[in-house]
PDB file of N, CA and C in Angstrom:
ATOM      1  N   UNK A   1      23.952 -24.429  31.860  1.00  0.00           N
ATOM      2  CA  UNK A   1      23.091 -24.860  32.870  1.00  0.00           C
ATOM      3  C   UNK A   1      22.546 -23.669  33.672  1.00  0.00           C
ATOM      4  N   UNK A   2      23.490 -22.816  34.087  1.00  0.00           N
ATOM      5  CA  UNK A   2      23.099 -21.608  34.859  1.00  0.00           C
ATOM      6  C   UNK A   2      22.233 -20.694  34.039  1.00  0.00           C
ATOM      7  N   UNK A   3      22.512 -20.555  32.798  1.00  0.00           N
ATOM      8  CA  UNK A   3      21.676 -19.710  31.911  1.00  0.00           C
ATOM      9  C   UNK A   3      20.304 -20.262  31.799  1.00  0.00           C
ATOM     10  N   UNK A   4      20.181 -21.578  31.759  1.00  0.00           N
ATOM     11  CA  UNK A   4      18.845 -22.157  31.649  1.00  0.00           C
ATOM     12  C   UNK A   4      18.037 -21.876  32.883  1.00  0.00           C
ATOM     13  N   UNK A   5      18.666 -21.913  34.035  1.00  0.00           N
ATOM     14  CA  UNK A   5      18.026 -21.698  35.284  1.00  0.00           C
ATOM     15  C   UNK A   5      17.638 -20.226  35.398  1.00  0.00           C
ATOM     16  N   UNK A   6      18.343 -19.338  34.806  1.00  0.00           N
ATOM     17  CA  UNK A   6      18.132 -17.936  34.951  1.00  0.00           C
ATOM     18  C   UNK A   6      17.007 -17.464  34.001  1.00  0.00           C
ATOM     19  N   UNK A   7      16.691 -18.256  33.020  1.00  0.00           N
ATOM     20  CA  UNK A   7      15.587 -17.841  32.102  1.00  0.00           C
ATOM     21  C   UNK A   7      14.238 -18.077  32.818  1.00  0.00           C
ATOM     22  N   UNK A   8      13.409 -17.085  32.588  1.00  0.00           N
ATOM     23  CA  UNK A   8      12.072 -17.146  33.086  1.00  0.00           C
ATOM     24  C   UNK A   8      11.249 -18.024  32.174  1.00  0.00           C
ATOM     25  N   UNK A   9      10.343 -18.853  32.756  1.00  0.00           N
ATOM     26  CA  UNK A   9       9.508 -19.714  31.868  1.00  0.00           C
ATOM     27  C   UNK A   9       8.774 -18.980  30.773  1.00  0.00           C
ATOM     28  N   UNK A  10       8.223 -17.810  31.084  1.00  0.00           N
ATOM     29  CA  UNK A  10       7.457 -17.017  30.108  1.00  0.00           C
ATOM     30  C   UNK A  10       8.301 -16.322  29.090  1.00  0.00           C
ATOM     31  N   UNK A  11       9.554 -16.234  29.330  1.00  0.00           N
ATOM     32  CA  UNK A  11      10.436 -15.419  28.438  1.00  0.00           C
ATOM     33  C   UNK A  11      10.486 -16.048  27.087  1.00  0.00           C
ATOM     34  N   UNK A  12      10.615 -17.350  26.987  1.00  0.00           N
ATOM     35  CA  UNK A  12      10.616 -18.013  25.677  1.00  0.00           C
ATOM     36  C   UNK A  12       9.338 -17.811  24.963  1.00  0.00           C
ATOM     37  N   UNK A  13       8.210 -17.923  25.669  1.00  0.00           N
ATOM     38  CA  UNK A  13       6.951 -17.727  25.089  1.00  0.00           C
ATOM     39  C   UNK A  13       6.776 -16.331  24.553  1.00  0.00           C
ATOM     40  N   UNK A  14       7.223 -15.315  25.308  1.00  0.00           N
ATOM     41  CA  UNK A  14       7.151 -13.954  24.939  1.00  0.00           C
ATOM     42  C   UNK A  14       8.031 -13.733  23.713  1.00  0.00           C
ATOM     43  N   UNK A  15       9.195 -14.297  23.691  1.00  0.00           N
ATOM     44  CA  UNK A  15      10.131 -14.181  22.549  1.00  0.00           C
ATOM     45  C   UNK A  15       9.529 -14.733  21.293  1.00  0.00           C
ATOM     46  N   UNK A  16       8.922 -15.902  21.397  1.00  0.00           N
ATOM     47  CA  UNK A  16       8.232 -16.516  20.246  1.00  0.00           C
ATOM     48  C   UNK A  16       7.088 -15.662  19.734  1.00  0.00           C
ATOM     49  N   UNK A  17       6.305 -15.134  20.669  1.00  0.00           N
ATOM     50  CA  UNK A  17       5.190 -14.285  20.284  1.00  0.00           C
ATOM     51  C   UNK A  17       5.664 -13.022  19.649  1.00  0.00           C
ATOM     52  N   UNK A  18       6.714 -12.456  20.166  1.00  0.00           N
ATOM     53  CA  UNK A  18       7.346 -11.298  19.574  1.00  0.00           C
ATOM     54  C   UNK A  18       7.806 -11.553  18.191  1.00  0.00           C
ATOM     55  N   UNK A  19       8.407 -12.724  18.003  1.00  0.00           N
ATOM     56  CA  UNK A  19       8.959 -13.101  16.715  1.00  0.00           C
ATOM     57  C   UNK A  19       7.771 -13.309  15.727  1.00  0.00           C
ATOM     58  N   UNK A  20       6.727 -13.917  16.154  1.00  0.00           N
ATOM     59  CA  UNK A  20       5.541 -14.120  15.328  1.00  0.00           C
ATOM     60  C   UNK A  20       4.892 -12.815  14.949  1.00  0.00           C
ATOM     61  N   UNK A  21       4.816 -11.893  15.941  1.00  0.00           N
ATOM     62  CA  UNK A  21       4.247 -10.589  15.663  1.00  0.00           C
ATOM     63  C   UNK A  21       5.059  -9.828  14.631  1.00  0.00           C
ATOM     64  N   UNK A  22       6.412  -9.911  14.782  1.00  0.00           N
ATOM     65  CA  UNK A  22       7.319  -9.272  13.842  1.00  0.00           C
ATOM     66  C   UNK A  22       7.080  -9.861  12.402  1.00  0.00           C
ATOM     67  N   UNK A  23       6.998 -11.143  12.373  1.00  0.00           N
ATOM     68  CA  UNK A  23       6.798 -11.828  11.023  1.00  0.00           C
ATOM     69  C   UNK A  23       5.469 -11.377  10.456  1.00  0.00           C
ATOM     70  N   UNK A  24       4.429 -11.331  11.248  1.00  0.00           N
ATOM     71  CA  UNK A  24       3.112 -10.914  10.740  1.00  0.00           C
ATOM     72  C   UNK A  24       3.178  -9.453  10.263  1.00  0.00           C
ATOM     73  N   UNK A  25       3.859  -8.632  11.010  1.00  0.00           N
ATOM     74  CA  UNK A  25       3.981  -7.201  10.652  1.00  0.00           C
ATOM     75  C   UNK A  25       4.695  -7.093   9.347  1.00  0.00           C
ATOM     76  N   UNK A  26       5.793  -7.875   9.151  1.00  0.00           N
ATOM     77  CA  UNK A  26       6.545  -7.812   7.887  1.00  0.00           C
ATOM     78  C   UNK A  26       5.796  -8.341   6.720  1.00  0.00           C
ATOM     79  N   UNK A  27       4.988  -9.403   6.942  1.00  0.00           N
ATOM     80  CA  UNK A  27       4.147  -9.933   5.894  1.00  0.00           C
ATOM     81  C   UNK A  27       3.065  -8.872   5.449  1.00  0.00           C
ATOM     82  N   UNK A  28       2.438  -8.286   6.470  1.00  0.00           N
ATOM     83  CA  UNK A  28       1.463  -7.228   6.173  1.00  0.00           C
ATOM     84  C   UNK A  28       2.056  -6.126   5.471  1.00  0.00           C
ATOM     85  N   UNK A  29       3.217  -5.673   5.906  1.00  0.00           N
ATOM     86  CA  UNK A  29       3.958  -4.589   5.290  1.00  0.00           C
ATOM     87  C   UNK A  29       4.301  -4.863   3.829  1.00  0.00           C
ATOM     88  N   UNK A  30       4.754  -6.109   3.559  1.00  0.00           N
ATOM     89  CA  UNK A  30       5.113  -6.514   2.208  1.00  0.00           C
ATOM     90  C   UNK A  30       3.874  -6.546   1.344  1.00  0.00           C
ATOM     91  N   UNK A  31       2.768  -7.036   1.848  1.00  0.00           N
ATOM     92  CA  UNK A  31       1.531  -7.044   1.138  1.00  0.00           C
ATOM     93  C   UNK A  31       1.064  -5.690   0.750  1.00  0.00           C
ATOM     94  N   UNK A  32       1.070  -4.765   1.757  1.00  0.00           N
ATOM     95  CA  UNK A  32       0.602  -3.381   1.466  1.00  0.00           C
ATOM     96  C   UNK A  32       1.579  -2.710   0.446  1.00  0.00           C
ATOM     97  N   UNK A  33       2.857  -2.926   0.576  1.00  0.00           N
ATOM     98  CA  UNK A  33       3.780  -2.309  -0.363  1.00  0.00           C
ATOM     99  C   UNK A  33       3.535  -2.883  -1.812  1.00  0.00           C
ATOM    100  N   UNK A  34       3.300  -4.114  -1.911  1.00  0.00           N
ATOM    101  CA  UNK A  34       3.066  -4.757  -3.221  1.00  0.00           C
ATOM    102  C   UNK A  34       1.788  -4.206  -3.789  1.00  0.00           C
ATOM    103  N   UNK A  35       0.752  -4.094  -2.938  1.00  0.00           N
ATOM    104  CA  UNK A  35      -0.514  -3.555  -3.374  1.00  0.00           C
ATOM    105  C   UNK A  35      -0.362  -2.141  -3.842  1.00  0.00           C
ATOM    106  N   UNK A  36       0.412  -1.315  -3.073  1.00  0.00           N
ATOM    107  CA  UNK A  36       0.558   0.097  -3.403  1.00  0.00           C
ATOM    108  C   UNK A  36       1.343   0.140  -4.777  1.00  0.00           C
ATOM    109  N   UNK A  37       2.349  -0.692  -4.936  1.00  0.00           N
ATOM    110  CA  UNK A  37       3.116  -0.691  -6.174  1.00  0.00           C
ATOM    111  C   UNK A  37       2.197  -0.975  -7.365  1.00  0.00           C
ATOM    112  N   UNK A  38       1.288  -1.921  -7.187  1.00  0.00           N
ATOM    113  CA  UNK A  38       0.364  -2.233  -8.281  1.00  0.00           C
ATOM    114  C   UNK A  38      -0.592  -1.093  -8.574  1.00  0.00           C
ATOM    115  N   UNK A  39      -1.004  -0.429  -7.514  1.00  0.00           N
ATOM    116  CA  UNK A  39      -1.908   0.724  -7.685  1.00  0.00           C
ATOM    117  C   UNK A  39      -1.176   1.844  -8.394  1.00  0.00           C
ATOM    118  N   UNK A  40       0.096   2.145  -7.993  1.00  0.00           N
ATOM    119  CA  UNK A  40       0.854   3.133  -8.693  1.00  0.00           C
ATOM    120  C   UNK A  40       1.009   2.810 -10.130  1.00  0.00           C
ATOM    121  N   UNK A  41       1.345   1.529 -10.456  1.00  0.00           N
ATOM    122  CA  UNK A  41       1.414   1.140 -11.840  1.00  0.00           C
ATOM    123  C   UNK A  41       0.127   1.419 -12.663  1.00  0.00           C
ATOM    124  N   UNK A  42      -0.938   0.995 -12.001  1.00  0.00           N
ATOM    125  CA  UNK A  42      -2.290   1.273 -12.682  1.00  0.00           C
ATOM    126  C   UNK A  42      -2.514   2.763 -12.823  1.00  0.00           C
ATOM    127  N   UNK A  43      -2.185   3.541 -11.827  1.00  0.00           N
ATOM    128  CA  UNK A  43      -2.294   4.980 -11.897  1.00  0.00           C
ATOM    129  C   UNK A  43      -1.516   5.544 -13.076  1.00  0.00           C
ATOM    130  N   UNK A  44      -0.280   5.142 -13.228  1.00  0.00           N
ATOM    131  CA  UNK A  44       0.555   5.578 -14.327  1.00  0.00           C
ATOM    132  C   UNK A  44      -0.108   5.270 -15.686  1.00  0.00           C
ATOM    133  N   UNK A  45      -0.699   4.107 -15.781  1.00  0.00           N
ATOM    134  CA  UNK A  45      -1.401   3.726 -17.024  1.00  0.00           C
ATOM    135  C   UNK A  45      -2.609   4.618 -17.276  1.00  0.00           C
ATOM    136  N   UNK A  46      -3.349   4.929 -16.220  1.00  0.00           N
ATOM    137  CA  UNK A  46      -4.577   5.775 -16.327  1.00  0.00           C
ATOM    138  C   UNK A  46      -4.106   7.190 -16.706  1.00  0.00           C
ATOM    139  N   UNK A  47      -3.066   7.687 -16.157  1.00  0.00           N
ATOM    140  CA  UNK A  47      -2.535   9.000 -16.470  1.00  0.00           C
ATOM    141  C   UNK A  47      -2.104   9.128 -17.942  1.00  0.00           C
ATOM    142  N   UNK A  48      -1.469   8.042 -18.392  1.00  0.00           N
ATOM    143  CA  UNK A  48      -1.008   7.986 -19.814  1.00  0.00           C
ATOM    144  C   UNK A  48      -2.232   8.030 -20.775  1.00  0.00           C
ATOM    145  N   UNK A  49      -3.261   7.208 -20.415  1.00  0.00           N
ATOM    146  CA  UNK A  49      -4.492   7.256 -21.252  1.00  0.00           C
ATOM    147  C   UNK A  49      -5.163   8.610 -21.238  1.00  0.00           C
ATOM    148  N   UNK A  50      -5.222   9.240 -20.009  1.00  0.00           N
ATOM    149  CA  UNK A  50      -5.838  10.561 -19.912  1.00  0.00           C
ATOM    150  C   UNK A  50      -5.045  11.569 -20.766  1.00  0.00           C
ATOM    151  N   UNK A  51      -3.727  11.497 -20.728  1.00  0.00           N
ATOM    152  CA  UNK A  51      -2.872  12.424 -21.449  1.00  0.00           C
ATOM    153  C   UNK A  51      -3.129  12.311 -22.925  1.00  0.00           C
ATOM    154  N   UNK A  52      -3.241  11.007 -23.397  1.00  0.00           N
ATOM    155  CA  UNK A  52      -3.498  10.685 -24.746  1.00  0.00           C
ATOM    156  C   UNK A  52      -4.886  11.320 -25.212  1.00  0.00           C
ATOM    157  N   UNK A  53      -5.873  11.182 -24.311  1.00  0.00           N
ATOM    158  CA  UNK A  53      -7.168  11.722 -24.554  1.00  0.00           C
ATOM    159  C   UNK A  53      -7.163  13.236 -24.648  1.00  0.00           C
ATOM    160  N   UNK A  54      -6.394  13.859 -23.711  1.00  0.00           N
ATOM    161  CA  UNK A  54      -6.286  15.320 -23.763  1.00  0.00           C
ATOM    162  C   UNK A  54      -5.610  15.806 -25.003  1.00  0.00           C
ATOM    163  N   UNK A  55      -4.679  15.036 -25.465  1.00  0.00           N
ATOM    164  CA  UNK A  55      -3.951  15.344 -26.721  1.00  0.00           C
ATOM    165  C   UNK A  55      -4.898  15.275 -27.896  1.00  0.00           C
ATOM    166  N   UNK A  56      -5.780  14.295 -27.860  1.00  0.00           N
ATOM    167  CA  UNK A  56      -6.789  14.177 -28.890  1.00  0.00           C
ATOM    168  C   UNK A  56      -7.802  15.306 -28.908  1.00  0.00           C
ATOM    169  N   UNK A  57      -8.134  15.779 -27.668  1.00  0.00           N
ATOM    170  CA  UNK A  57      -9.037  16.913 -27.538  1.00  0.00           C
ATOM    171  C   UNK A  57      -8.487  18.146 -28.194  1.00  0.00           C
ATOM    172  N   UNK A  58      -7.165  18.426 -27.900  1.00  0.00           N
ATOM    173  CA  UNK A  58      -6.523  19.584 -28.449  1.00  0.00           C
ATOM    174  C   UNK A  58      -6.424  19.474 -29.988  1.00  0.00           C
ATOM    175  N   UNK A  59      -6.297  18.282 -30.526  1.00  0.00           N
ATOM    176  CA  UNK A  59      -6.275  18.113 -31.996  1.00  0.00           C
ATOM    177  C   UNK A  59      -7.644  18.161 -32.632  1.00  0.00           C
ATOM    178  N   UNK A  60      -8.707  18.049 -31.798  1.00  0.00           N
ATOM    179  CA  UNK A  60     -10.058  18.088 -32.267  1.00  0.00           C
ATOM    180  C   UNK A  60     -10.513  16.696 -32.807  1.00  0.00           C
ATOM    181  N   UNK A  61      -9.855  15.661 -32.328  1.00  0.00           N
ATOM    182  CA  UNK A  61     -10.131  14.300 -32.911  1.00  0.00           C
ATOM    183  C   UNK A  61     -11.184  13.587 -32.044  1.00  0.00           C
ATOM    184  N   UNK A  62     -11.344  13.969 -30.800  1.00  0.00           N
ATOM    185  CA  UNK A  62     -12.176  13.194 -29.821  1.00  0.00           C
ATOM    186  C   UNK A  62     -13.621  13.599 -29.966  1.00  0.00           C
ATOM    187  N   UNK A  63     -14.578  12.701 -29.796  1.00  0.00           N
ATOM    188  CA  UNK A  63     -16.021  12.967 -29.901  1.00  0.00           C
ATOM    189  C   UNK A  63     -16.604  12.799 -28.468  1.00  0.00           C
ATOM    190  N   UNK A  64     -17.961  12.796 -28.427  1.00  0.00           N
ATOM    191  CA  UNK A  64     -18.639  12.673 -27.094  1.00  0.00           C
ATOM    192  C   UNK A  64     -18.328  11.376 -26.394  1.00  0.00           C
ATOM    193  N   UNK A  65     -18.257  10.298 -27.151  1.00  0.00           N
ATOM    194  CA  UNK A  65     -17.945   8.988 -26.549  1.00  0.00           C
ATOM    195  C   UNK A  65     -16.578   8.970 -25.952  1.00  0.00           C
ATOM    196  N   UNK A  66     -15.668   9.681 -26.599  1.00  0.00           N
ATOM    197  CA  UNK A  66     -14.261   9.704 -26.101  1.00  0.00           C
ATOM    198  C   UNK A  66     -14.253  10.566 -24.811  1.00  0.00           C
ATOM    199  N   UNK A  67     -15.019  11.657 -24.746  1.00  0.00           N
ATOM    200  CA  UNK A  67     -15.135  12.458 -23.562  1.00  0.00           C
ATOM    201  C   UNK A  67     -15.651  11.672 -22.392  1.00  0.00           C
ATOM    202  N   UNK A  68     -16.687  10.790 -22.695  1.00  0.00           N
ATOM    203  CA  UNK A  68     -17.232   9.937 -21.670  1.00  0.00           C
ATOM    204  C   UNK A  68     -16.234   8.886 -21.113  1.00  0.00           C
ATOM    205  N   UNK A  69     -15.464   8.412 -22.081  1.00  0.00           N
ATOM    206  CA  UNK A  69     -14.384   7.421 -21.615  1.00  0.00           C
ATOM    207  C   UNK A  69     -13.355   8.102 -20.828  1.00  0.00           C
ATOM    208  N   UNK A  70     -13.052   9.351 -21.045  1.00  0.00           N
ATOM    209  CA  UNK A  70     -12.088  10.154 -20.308  1.00  0.00           C
ATOM    210  C   UNK A  70     -12.668  10.351 -18.844  1.00  0.00           C
ATOM    211  N   UNK A  71     -13.980  10.627 -18.757  1.00  0.00           N
ATOM    212  CA  UNK A  71     -14.583  10.788 -17.452  1.00  0.00           C
ATOM    213  C   UNK A  71     -14.464   9.513 -16.643  1.00  0.00           C
ATOM    214  N   UNK A  72     -14.627   8.404 -17.294  1.00  0.00           N
ATOM    215  CA  UNK A  72     -14.462   7.073 -16.655  1.00  0.00           C
ATOM    216  C   UNK A  72     -13.083   6.854 -16.155  1.00  0.00           C
ATOM    217  N   UNK A  73     -12.084   7.287 -17.033  1.00  0.00           N
ATOM    218  CA  UNK A  73     -10.676   7.182 -16.552  1.00  0.00           C
ATOM    219  C   UNK A  73     -10.403   8.074 -15.418  1.00  0.00           C
ATOM    220  N   UNK A  74     -10.985   9.251 -15.380  1.00  0.00           N
ATOM    221  CA  UNK A  74     -10.783  10.162 -14.262  1.00  0.00           C
ATOM    222  C   UNK A  74     -11.335   9.594 -12.972  1.00  0.00           C
ATOM    223  N   UNK A  75     -12.501   8.941 -13.116  1.00  0.00           N
ATOM    224  CA  UNK A  75     -13.149   8.348 -11.926  1.00  0.00           C
ATOM    225  C   UNK A  75     -12.266   7.229 -11.387  1.00  0.00           C
ATOM    226  N   UNK A  76     -11.735   6.430 -12.280  1.00  0.00           N
ATOM    227  CA  UNK A  76     -10.775   5.317 -11.893  1.00  0.00           C
ATOM    228  C   UNK A  76      -9.549   5.913 -11.189  1.00  0.00           C
ATOM    229  N   UNK A  77      -9.098   6.996 -11.770  1.00  0.00           N
ATOM    230  CA  UNK A  77      -7.892   7.668 -11.249  1.00  0.00           C
ATOM    231  C   UNK A  77      -8.160   8.113  -9.786  1.00  0.00           C
ATOM    232  N   UNK A  78      -9.312   8.740  -9.612  1.00  0.00           N
ATOM    233  CA  UNK A  78      -9.716   9.159  -8.208  1.00  0.00           C
ATOM    234  C   UNK A  78      -9.782   7.964  -7.298  1.00  0.00           C
ATOM    235  N   UNK A  79     -10.362   6.859  -7.709  1.00  0.00           N
ATOM    236  CA  UNK A  79     -10.541   5.653  -6.884  1.00  0.00           C
ATOM    237  C   UNK A  79      -9.096   5.143  -6.511  1.00  0.00           C
ATOM    238  N   UNK A  80      -8.168   5.180  -7.481  1.00  0.00           N
ATOM    239  CA  UNK A  80      -6.813   4.679  -7.174  1.00  0.00           C
ATOM    240  C   UNK A  80      -6.075   5.614  -6.246  1.00  0.00           C
ATOM    241  N   UNK A  81      -6.284   6.904  -6.406  1.00  0.00           N
ATOM    242  CA  UNK A  81      -5.647   7.831  -5.401  1.00  0.00           C
ATOM    243  C   UNK A  81      -6.176   7.591  -4.022  1.00  0.00           C
ATOM    244  N   UNK A  82      -7.521   7.291  -3.861  1.00  0.00           N
ATOM    245  CA  UNK A  82      -8.113   7.034  -2.578  1.00  0.00           C
ATOM    246  C   UNK A  82      -7.483   5.774  -2.069  1.00  0.00           C
ATOM    247  N   UNK A  83      -7.267   4.742  -2.854  1.00  0.00           N
ATOM    248  CA  UNK A  83      -6.626   3.493  -2.413  1.00  0.00           C
ATOM    249  C   UNK A  83      -5.211   3.749  -1.976  1.00  0.00           C
ATOM    250  N   UNK A  84      -4.483   4.564  -2.670  1.00  0.00           N
ATOM    251  CA  UNK A  84      -3.161   4.862  -2.285  1.00  0.00           C
ATOM    252  C   UNK A  84      -3.089   5.549  -0.940  1.00  0.00           C
ATOM    253  N   UNK A  85      -3.959   6.510  -0.736  1.00  0.00           N
ATOM    254  CA  UNK A  85      -3.975   7.192   0.567  1.00  0.00           C
ATOM    255  C   UNK A  85      -4.313   6.179   1.640  1.00  0.00           C
ATOM    256  N   UNK A  86      -5.286   5.332   1.405  1.00  0.00           N
ATOM    257  CA  UNK A  86      -5.716   4.323   2.387  1.00  0.00           C
ATOM    258  C   UNK A  86      -4.549   3.383   2.724  1.00  0.00           C
ATOM    259  N   UNK A  87      -3.812   2.956   1.686  1.00  0.00           N
ATOM    260  CA  UNK A  87      -2.704   2.034   1.955  1.00  0.00           C
ATOM    261  C   UNK A  87      -1.573   2.751   2.773  1.00  0.00           C
ATOM    262  N   UNK A  88      -1.296   4.001   2.376  1.00  0.00           N
ATOM    263  CA  UNK A  88      -0.246   4.701   3.137  1.00  0.00           C
ATOM    264  C   UNK A  88      -0.638   4.974   4.589  1.00  0.00           C
ATOM    265  N   UNK A  89      -1.921   5.257   4.832  1.00  0.00           N
ATOM    266  CA  UNK A  89      -2.349   5.373   6.222  1.00  0.00           C
ATOM    267  C   UNK A  89      -2.180   4.095   7.007  1.00  0.00           C
ATOM    268  N   UNK A  90      -2.551   2.999   6.355  1.00  0.00           N
ATOM    269  CA  UNK A  90      -2.360   1.690   6.966  1.00  0.00           C
ATOM    270  C   UNK A  90      -0.922   1.420   7.231  1.00  0.00           C
ATOM    271  N   UNK A  91      -0.027   1.694   6.243  1.00  0.00           N
ATOM    272  CA  UNK A  91       1.374   1.479   6.463  1.00  0.00           C
ATOM    273  C   UNK A  91       1.929   2.389   7.631  1.00  0.00           C
ATOM    274  N   UNK A  92       1.383   3.611   7.703  1.00  0.00           N
ATOM    275  CA  UNK A  92       1.804   4.516   8.734  1.00  0.00           C
ATOM    276  C   UNK A  92       1.414   3.967  10.120  1.00  0.00           C
ATOM    277  N   UNK A  93       0.165   3.418  10.195  1.00  0.00           N
ATOM    278  CA  UNK A  93      -0.285   2.807  11.447  1.00  0.00           C
ATOM    279  C   UNK A  93       0.550   1.584  11.823  1.00  0.00           C
ATOM    280  N   UNK A  94       0.917   0.768  10.814  1.00  0.00           N
ATOM    281  CA  UNK A  94       1.787  -0.367  11.134  1.00  0.00           C
ATOM    282  C   UNK A  94       3.111   0.035  11.664  1.00  0.00           C
ATOM    283  N   UNK A  95       3.710   1.113  11.026  1.00  0.00           N
ATOM    284  CA  UNK A  95       4.988   1.570  11.476  1.00  0.00           C
ATOM    285  C   UNK A  95       4.921   2.170  12.846  1.00  0.00           C
ATOM    286  N   UNK A  96       3.829   2.888  13.183  1.00  0.00           N
ATOM    287  CA  UNK A  96       3.659   3.403  14.529  1.00  0.00           C
ATOM    288  C   UNK A  96       3.563   2.282  15.554  1.00  0.00           C
ATOM    289  N   UNK A  97       2.852   1.201  15.289  1.00  0.00           N
ATOM    290  CA  UNK A  97       2.807   0.012  16.157  1.00  0.00           C
ATOM    291  C   UNK A  97       4.130  -0.617  16.311  1.00  0.00           C
ATOM    292  N   UNK A  98       4.847  -0.692  15.215  1.00  0.00           N
ATOM    293  CA  UNK A  98       6.163  -1.309  15.189  1.00  0.00           C
ATOM    294  C   UNK A  98       7.146  -0.507  16.119  1.00  0.00           C
ATOM    295  N   UNK A  99       7.051   0.796  16.040  1.00  0.00           N
ATOM    296  CA  UNK A  99       7.944   1.639  16.854  1.00  0.00           C
ATOM    297  C   UNK A  99       7.459   1.562  18.291  1.00  0.00           C
ATOM    298  N   UNK A 100       6.190   1.564  18.583  1.00  0.00           N
ATOM    299  CA  UNK A 100       5.608   1.481  19.931  1.00  0.00           C
ATOM    300  C   UNK A 100       6.051   0.187  20.639  1.00  0.00           C
ATOM    301  N   UNK A 101       6.208  -0.862  19.909  1.00  0.00           N
ATOM    302  CA  UNK A 101       6.479  -2.114  20.504  1.00  0.00           C
ATOM    303  C   UNK A 101       8.009  -2.309  20.727  1.00  0.00           C
ATOM    304  N   UNK A 102       8.801  -1.247  20.325  1.00  0.00           N
ATOM    305  CA  UNK A 102      10.171  -1.197  20.586  1.00  0.00           C
ATOM    306  C   UNK A 102      11.014  -2.136  19.771  1.00  0.00           C
ATOM    307  N   UNK A 103      10.543  -2.399  18.515  1.00  0.00           N
ATOM    308  CA  UNK A 103      11.272  -3.312  17.574  1.00  0.00           C
ATOM    309  C   UNK A 103      12.349  -2.547  16.894  1.00  0.00           C
ATOM    310  N   UNK A 104      12.303  -1.203  16.956  1.00  0.00           N
ATOM    311  CA  UNK A 104      13.275  -0.418  16.266  1.00  0.00           C
ATOM    312  C   UNK A 104      14.319   0.072  17.307  1.00  0.00           C
TER     313      UNK A 104
END
């Protein structure tokens, strides 16, 4: 009873909001990490295809169409690297906010 009287009316609301904010942060963090993992997997696949193309170039097997497809792969690789940097910046911002709110 004494503890109930000592609690401020807004404290429970603040605690719930804090809990909701933490849950949202964790959900966003999980989403970004999953997205980053998928991007890394795709990047590994692109690198493997590029390596195979470079091997074909050294063997003299590849033609002009093959060179064009390698250029497309390189462009996709650049796009994925941009997405990775973007995700990591967003994760860093989330972590900064998490630390600023004193949850750590």
